[in-house]
Amino acid sequence: MQPAPIPQDDESRIRAIRQLRISQQSEERFDRITRLAKRMFNVDMALVTVIDRDTQWFKSVMGFEGTQTGRDISFCGHAILGDEPFIVPDASRDRRFFDNPQVVDEPNIRFYAGVPLKLAQGFKIGTLCIVDSRPRHFSDQDVSDLMDLANLAESELAANLDSTIDELTQISNRRGFITLADKVIQNCRFRTEPFSLALFDLDKFKLINDNLGHSVGDEALTTFACLLTENFRDSDVIARIGGDEFVVLMSGTTDIEAQTPLSRFEEHVSQFNRNEKSSYELSYSVGVVCCSPLEEVSHQDMLQRADQAMYLCKRSR
């Protein structure tokens, strides 16, 4: 096994990480990127890592239970030494990694692809990386897609905490939805997969606010957001895009396939209304639109079409 060399400017790099004041606590703004990466590349794991003095810790991790590893056995320690994506097609055949504990034992790493995450000062603090237990070929398009997601992670490192997260519900806000939606659509086109969008609007929400107060209204919004995240996939883009409007963008999903999570969600909302001793009931209208990968549509086009479908649903009620 060959541990990655320590860069000459490593102490300055470590100080830059400290000044960044990034916590080791999971945050949705990073989790949504790793969820999307895991889905897009169909891999076992996707991570945002930070290479500290002696450890590699995970700011976000999907598909692995741990929170950190030793820096000496990390693949990302090698990745931050360069400026380009670091690709290992088969670690078991690579002289640097074939006897690495993470290759010989769990999680049995074979494929690794990591893009260094840079601060404005040029220091590379860690990576956005994907890992799989099978050897893989990584195409130029795959590299480009992973770099695009790494750019999003870099932006989040530099951005204000609340820039793309709805403060009340802690899911994506409209800006966060826009950040990811077009990338999801582009990826579905490349992989010739359909994609569906569901636009939800809470019915009689104004009555909850007027009759029960804004604190109860906030509780209703938070409950609705929780039910969405519990009933749709981790890889779906879920956002609050307006006061009482929510959206779910589902990749690789036809209109028929979209009915399964939509029906499950409807049942769970009904269960909440039956079982919870709440002063309000949740009611909503939803508009759903499905697109072929051959259609030239943007997220805005889909929102407009879903809004029309949602209006018809609301009028029918």
Protein backbone atom coordinates (compact mmCIF):
# COMPACT_ATOMS: atom_id res chain seq x y z
CA MET A 1 0.00 0.00 0.00
CA GLN A 2 1.26 3.48 -0.84
CA PRO A 3 -0.07 6.27 1.43
CA ALA A 4 -0.44 9.57 -0.38
CA PRO A 5 2.49 11.97 0.07
CA ILE A 6 1.81 14.97 2.32
CA PRO A 7 1.84 18.23 0.33
CA GLN A 8 4.45 20.80 1.34
CA ASP A 9 1.75 23.39 2.01
CA ASP A 10 -0.35 20.99 4.10
CA GLU A 11 -0.28 23.10 7.27
CA SER A 12 -1.57 26.09 5.32
CA ARG A 13 -4.22 23.82 3.80
CA ILE A 14 -5.28 22.63 7.26
CA ARG A 15 -5.52 26.24 8.48
CA ALA A 16 -7.75 27.04 5.50
CA ILE A 17 -10.06 24.17 6.49
CA ARG A 18 -10.26 25.53 10.06
CA GLN A 19 -11.06 29.02 8.76
CA LEU A 20 -13.83 27.56 6.63
CA ARG A 21 -15.55 26.40 9.85
CA ILE A 22 -17.28 23.53 8.14
CA SER A 23 -18.77 21.14 10.67
CA GLN A 24 -18.74 17.36 10.49
CA GLN A 25 -22.52 17.34 10.84
CA SER A 26 -24.50 16.21 7.81
CA GLU A 27 -26.22 18.99 5.84
CA GLU A 28 -28.92 18.68 3.20
CA ARG A 29 -27.10 21.02 0.81
CA PHE A 30 -24.30 18.44 0.50
CA ASP A 31 -26.46 15.33 0.94
CA ARG A 32 -28.55 16.13 -2.11
CA ILE A 33 -25.37 16.24 -4.23
CA THR A 34 -24.15 12.83 -3.01
CA ARG A 35 -27.65 11.36 -3.44
CA LEU A 36 -27.69 12.58 -7.01
CA ALA A 37 -24.16 11.29 -7.69
CA LYS A 38 -25.01 7.84 -6.33
CA ARG A 39 -28.11 7.71 -8.51
CA MET A 40 -26.51 9.14 -11.65
CA PHE A 41 -23.56 6.73 -11.68
CA ASN A 42 -25.30 3.72 -10.08
CA VAL A 43 -22.50 3.16 -7.57
CA ASP A 44 -22.34 1.75 -4.04
CA MET A 45 -21.18 4.99 -2.42
CA ALA A 46 -20.98 8.73 -3.01
CA LEU A 47 -19.19 11.05 -0.61
CA VAL A 48 -18.05 14.59 0.05
CA THR A 49 -14.80 14.13 1.97
CA VAL A 50 -12.49 16.45 3.89
CA ILE A 51 -8.83 15.48 4.25
CA ASP A 52 -7.76 16.60 7.72
CA ARG A 53 -4.34 16.30 9.32
CA ASP A 54 -4.60 12.57 10.17
CA THR A 55 -8.10 11.58 9.12
CA GLN A 56 -10.45 11.69 6.18
CA TRP A 57 -13.91 12.59 7.40
CA PHE A 58 -17.17 12.63 5.48
CA LYS A 59 -19.18 15.81 5.21
CA SER A 60 -21.79 13.78 3.35
CA VAL A 61 -21.93 10.06 2.68
CA MET A 62 -24.47 7.88 0.88
CA GLY A 63 -24.11 4.08 0.92
CA PHE A 64 -21.62 3.73 3.79
CA GLU A 65 -22.17 3.69 7.55
CA GLY A 66 -18.86 5.18 8.68
CA THR A 67 -18.04 8.83 9.32
CA GLN A 68 -14.28 8.81 8.73
CA THR A 69 -11.18 6.77 7.91
CA GLY A 70 -7.48 7.24 8.38
CA ARG A 71 -5.86 9.65 5.96
CA ASP A 72 -3.09 7.13 5.28
CA ILE A 73 -5.50 4.63 3.68
CA SER A 74 -7.68 7.18 1.88
CA PHE A 75 -7.96 7.31 -1.90
CA CYS A 76 -8.94 10.98 -1.57
CA GLY A 77 -5.55 11.77 -0.08
CA HIS A 78 -4.13 10.93 -3.50
CA ALA A 79 -6.89 12.81 -5.32
CA ILE A 80 -6.11 16.18 -3.68
CA LEU A 81 -2.51 16.06 -4.93
CA GLY A 82 -3.62 16.98 -8.46
CA ASP A 83 -6.04 19.30 -10.17
CA GLU A 84 -7.75 16.74 -12.40
CA PRO A 85 -10.22 13.96 -11.52
CA PHE A 86 -8.46 10.98 -9.93
CA ILE A 87 -9.73 7.71 -11.43
CA VAL A 88 -8.93 4.15 -10.31
CA PRO A 89 -10.72 1.66 -12.59
CA ASP A 90 -9.75 -1.45 -10.54
CA ALA A 91 -8.02 -0.94 -7.21
CA SER A 92 -7.23 -4.67 -6.88
CA ARG A 93 -4.90 -4.32 -9.89
CA ASP A 94 -3.37 -0.99 -8.88
CA ARG A 95 0.01 -1.19 -7.13
CA ARG A 96 -0.89 1.77 -4.94
CA PHE A 97 -4.06 0.19 -3.56
CA PHE A 98 -4.20 -3.59 -4.12
CA ASP A 99 -3.33 -4.29 -0.45
CA ASN A 100 -5.22 -1.33 1.01
CA PRO A 101 -7.48 -2.47 3.92
CA GLN A 102 -10.48 -0.91 2.17
CA VAL A 103 -9.74 -3.02 -0.91
CA VAL A 104 -8.87 -6.28 0.84
CA ASP A 105 -11.78 -5.99 3.29
CA GLU A 106 -15.01 -4.02 3.58
CA PRO A 107 -16.11 -2.02 1.68
CA ASN A 108 -14.13 -3.95 -0.97
CA ILE A 109 -13.32 -0.92 -3.10
CA ARG A 110 -12.59 -1.63 -6.72
CA PHE A 111 -13.61 1.51 -8.59
CA TYR A 112 -12.89 5.04 -7.36
CA ALA A 113 -13.40 8.42 -9.01
CA GLY A 114 -12.78 11.64 -7.09
CA VAL A 115 -12.70 15.32 -8.03
CA PRO A 116 -10.68 17.66 -5.77
CA LEU A 117 -12.70 20.40 -4.07
CA LYS A 118 -10.86 23.73 -4.11
CA LEU A 119 -11.25 26.81 -1.98
CA ALA A 120 -10.88 30.27 -3.50
CA GLN A 121 -7.29 30.39 -2.23
CA GLY A 122 -6.50 27.29 -4.28
CA PHE A 123 -6.26 24.84 -1.38
CA LYS A 124 -7.85 21.44 -2.03
CA ILE A 125 -9.70 20.41 1.12
CA GLY A 126 -11.17 17.09 -0.02
CA THR A 127 -13.21 15.57 -2.82
CA LEU A 128 -16.54 14.69 -4.25
CA CYS A 129 -16.02 11.01 -4.96
CA ILE A 130 -17.90 7.90 -6.00
CA VAL A 131 -16.92 4.34 -5.07
CA ASP A 132 -18.04 0.93 -6.26
CA SER A 133 -17.25 -2.70 -5.41
CA ARG A 134 -16.98 -3.53 -9.13
CA PRO A 135 -14.28 -2.45 -11.58
CA ARG A 136 -15.67 0.13 -13.98
CA HIS A 137 -14.88 2.07 -17.11
CA PHE A 138 -15.42 5.81 -16.65
CA SER A 139 -16.21 7.67 -19.87
CA ASP A 140 -15.33 11.27 -20.72
CA GLN A 141 -19.00 12.16 -20.28
CA ASP A 142 -19.00 10.54 -16.83
CA VAL A 143 -15.94 12.59 -15.87
CA SER A 144 -17.65 15.77 -17.07
CA ASP A 145 -20.82 14.98 -15.09
CA LEU A 146 -18.87 14.28 -11.90
CA MET A 147 -16.93 17.53 -12.31
CA ASP A 148 -20.22 19.42 -12.69
CA LEU A 149 -21.45 17.99 -9.39
CA ALA A 150 -18.10 18.80 -7.76
CA ASN A 151 -18.54 22.41 -8.88
CA LEU A 152 -21.89 22.44 -7.06
CA ALA A 153 -20.19 21.12 -3.91
CA GLU A 154 -17.51 23.81 -4.20
CA SER A 155 -20.21 26.45 -4.53
CA GLU A 156 -21.88 25.17 -1.37
CA LEU A 157 -18.57 25.39 0.49
CA ALA A 158 -18.39 29.05 -0.39
CA ALA A 159 -22.08 29.87 -0.11
CA ASN A 160 -24.15 30.98 2.80
CA LEU A 161 -25.78 28.08 4.66
CA ASP A 162 -29.28 29.09 3.70
CA SER A 163 -28.59 29.98 0.07
CA THR A 164 -30.23 26.87 -1.41
CA ILE A 165 -32.05 25.39 1.61
CA ASP A 166 -35.50 26.39 2.82
CA GLU A 167 -34.93 27.56 6.38
CA LEU A 168 -38.27 26.30 7.70
CA THR A 169 -38.52 22.82 6.16
CA GLN A 170 -34.79 22.13 5.59
CA ILE A 171 -35.39 20.83 2.07
CA SER A 172 -34.25 22.61 -1.10
CA ASN A 173 -35.70 26.02 -1.87
CA ARG A 174 -36.43 27.31 -5.39
CA ARG A 175 -32.80 28.24 -5.97
CA GLY A 176 -31.68 24.82 -4.78
CA PHE A 177 -34.20 23.14 -7.07
CA ILE A 178 -32.99 25.11 -10.08
CA THR A 179 -29.38 24.25 -9.22
CA LEU A 180 -30.04 20.51 -9.60
CA ALA A 181 -33.09 20.19 -11.86
CA ASP A 182 -31.52 20.98 -15.21
CA LYS A 183 -28.57 18.69 -14.40
CA VAL A 184 -31.00 15.84 -13.64
CA ILE A 185 -32.87 16.46 -16.91
CA GLN A 186 -29.61 16.57 -18.86
CA ASN A 187 -28.47 13.31 -17.30
CA CYS A 188 -31.79 11.60 -18.12
CA ARG A 189 -31.45 12.69 -21.73
CA PHE A 190 -27.92 11.32 -21.90
CA ARG A 191 -29.04 7.99 -20.42
CA THR A 192 -32.26 7.98 -22.47
CA GLU A 193 -34.40 7.77 -19.34
CA PRO A 194 -37.81 9.42 -18.85
CA PHE A 195 -38.34 11.88 -16.01
CA SER A 196 -41.40 13.12 -14.17
CA LEU A 197 -42.24 16.17 -12.13
CA ALA A 198 -44.99 16.50 -9.53
CA LEU A 199 -46.09 19.96 -8.34
CA PHE A 200 -48.00 20.06 -5.03
CA ASP A 201 -50.08 22.91 -3.65
CA LEU A 202 -51.57 22.78 -0.14
CA ASP A 203 -55.32 23.32 -0.20
CA LYS A 204 -56.91 25.71 2.33
CA PHE A 205 -53.51 26.64 3.73
CA LYS A 206 -54.59 30.26 4.17
CA LEU A 207 -57.41 29.08 6.45
CA ILE A 208 -54.89 27.27 8.67
CA ASN A 209 -52.85 30.46 8.99
CA ASP A 210 -55.88 32.71 9.51
CA ASN A 211 -57.75 30.47 11.97
CA LEU A 212 -54.92 28.74 13.84
CA GLY A 213 -51.99 31.09 13.49
CA HIS A 214 -48.76 31.17 11.53
CA SER A 215 -46.93 28.86 13.92
CA VAL A 216 -49.45 26.10 13.15
CA GLY A 217 -49.14 26.95 9.46
CA ASP A 218 -45.37 26.52 9.72
CA GLU A 219 -45.93 23.16 11.41
CA ALA A 220 -48.20 22.06 8.55
CA LEU A 221 -45.56 23.01 5.98
CA THR A 222 -42.86 21.16 7.88
CA THR A 223 -45.05 18.07 8.24
CA PHE A 224 -45.86 18.08 4.54
CA ALA A 225 -42.15 18.34 3.67
CA CYS A 226 -41.33 15.42 5.98
CA LEU A 227 -44.01 13.26 4.37
CA LEU A 228 -42.56 14.04 0.94
CA THR A 229 -39.03 13.04 1.94
CA GLU A 230 -40.31 9.85 3.61
CA ASN A 231 -42.28 8.67 0.57
CA PHE A 232 -40.07 9.59 -2.37
CA ARG A 233 -36.57 8.35 -3.18
CA ASP A 234 -33.39 9.83 -1.79
CA SER A 235 -32.31 10.57 -5.35
CA ASP A 236 -35.45 12.58 -6.17
CA VAL A 237 -35.10 16.37 -6.05
CA ILE A 238 -37.61 17.58 -3.44
CA ALA A 239 -38.08 21.30 -2.87
CA ARG A 240 -40.34 23.99 -1.47
CA ILE A 241 -40.53 26.52 -4.30
CA GLY A 242 -43.15 28.88 -2.91
CA GLY A 243 -45.16 29.61 0.21
CA ASP A 244 -47.29 26.47 0.05
CA GLU A 245 -45.93 24.94 -3.18
CA PHE A 246 -43.68 21.90 -3.27
CA VAL A 247 -42.11 20.00 -6.15
CA VAL A 248 -40.60 16.54 -6.70
CA LEU A 249 -38.47 15.78 -9.76
CA MET A 250 -38.15 12.01 -10.36
CA SER A 251 -35.44 10.73 -12.71
CA GLY A 252 -35.84 7.48 -14.64
CA THR A 253 -39.58 7.51 -13.97
CA THR A 254 -42.50 7.20 -16.39
CA ASP A 255 -45.96 8.59 -15.66
CA ILE A 256 -47.13 5.10 -14.71
CA GLU A 257 -44.14 4.49 -12.42
CA ALA A 258 -44.66 7.88 -10.78
CA GLN A 259 -48.09 6.75 -9.58
CA THR A 260 -46.54 4.33 -7.06
CA PRO A 261 -44.84 6.95 -4.85
CA LEU A 262 -47.70 9.38 -5.44
CA SER A 263 -50.24 6.81 -4.20
CA ARG A 264 -48.01 5.92 -1.26
CA PHE A 265 -47.73 9.61 -0.38
CA GLU A 266 -51.49 10.08 -0.62
CA GLU A 267 -52.05 7.17 1.76
CA HIS A 268 -49.54 8.50 4.28
CA VAL A 269 -51.18 11.93 4.22
CA SER A 270 -54.53 10.22 4.86
CA GLN A 271 -52.98 8.26 7.73
CA PHE A 272 -51.67 11.49 9.23
CA ASN A 273 -55.12 13.05 9.06
CA ARG A 274 -56.72 9.95 10.64
CA ASN A 275 -54.19 9.20 13.34
CA GLU A 276 -52.49 12.42 14.39
CA LYS A 277 -54.18 14.52 17.04
CA SER A 278 -53.63 17.71 15.12
CA SER A 279 -55.67 20.87 14.93
CA TYR A 280 -55.47 20.80 11.13
CA GLU A 281 -55.81 18.40 8.23
CA LEU A 282 -53.46 18.25 5.28
CA SER A 283 -55.08 18.52 1.87
CA TYR A 284 -53.37 19.13 -1.44
CA SER A 285 -53.72 19.30 -5.19
CA VAL A 286 -51.04 17.87 -7.45
CA GLY A 287 -50.14 18.22 -11.11
CA VAL A 288 -47.89 15.63 -12.72
CA VAL A 289 -46.02 15.77 -16.01
CA CYS A 290 -43.78 13.10 -17.54
CA CYS A 291 -41.26 13.76 -20.30
CA SER A 292 -39.42 11.58 -22.77
CA PRO A 293 -35.63 11.99 -22.91
CA LEU A 294 -36.13 13.10 -26.52
CA GLU A 295 -38.18 16.15 -25.50
CA GLU A 296 -36.39 19.51 -25.38
CA VAL A 297 -37.79 20.81 -22.10
CA SER A 298 -36.32 22.75 -19.20
CA HIS A 299 -37.32 22.64 -15.55
CA GLN A 300 -39.31 25.84 -16.17
CA ASP A 301 -41.26 24.22 -19.00
CA MET A 302 -42.10 21.28 -16.75
CA LEU A 303 -43.17 23.57 -13.90
CA GLN A 304 -45.54 25.44 -16.22
CA ARG A 305 -47.09 22.22 -17.54
CA ALA A 306 -47.38 20.75 -14.04
CA ASP A 307 -48.94 24.01 -12.80
CA GLN A 308 -51.65 23.72 -15.46
CA ALA A 309 -52.32 20.10 -14.47
CA MET A 310 -52.38 21.06 -10.80
CA TYR A 311 -54.86 23.87 -11.49
CA LEU A 312 -57.21 21.40 -13.20
CA CYS A 313 -56.90 19.11 -10.17
CA LYS A 314 -57.67 21.99 -7.79
CA ARG A 315 -60.67 23.13 -9.87
CA SER A 316 -62.07 19.60 -9.88
CA ARG A 317 -62.02 19.63 -6.08
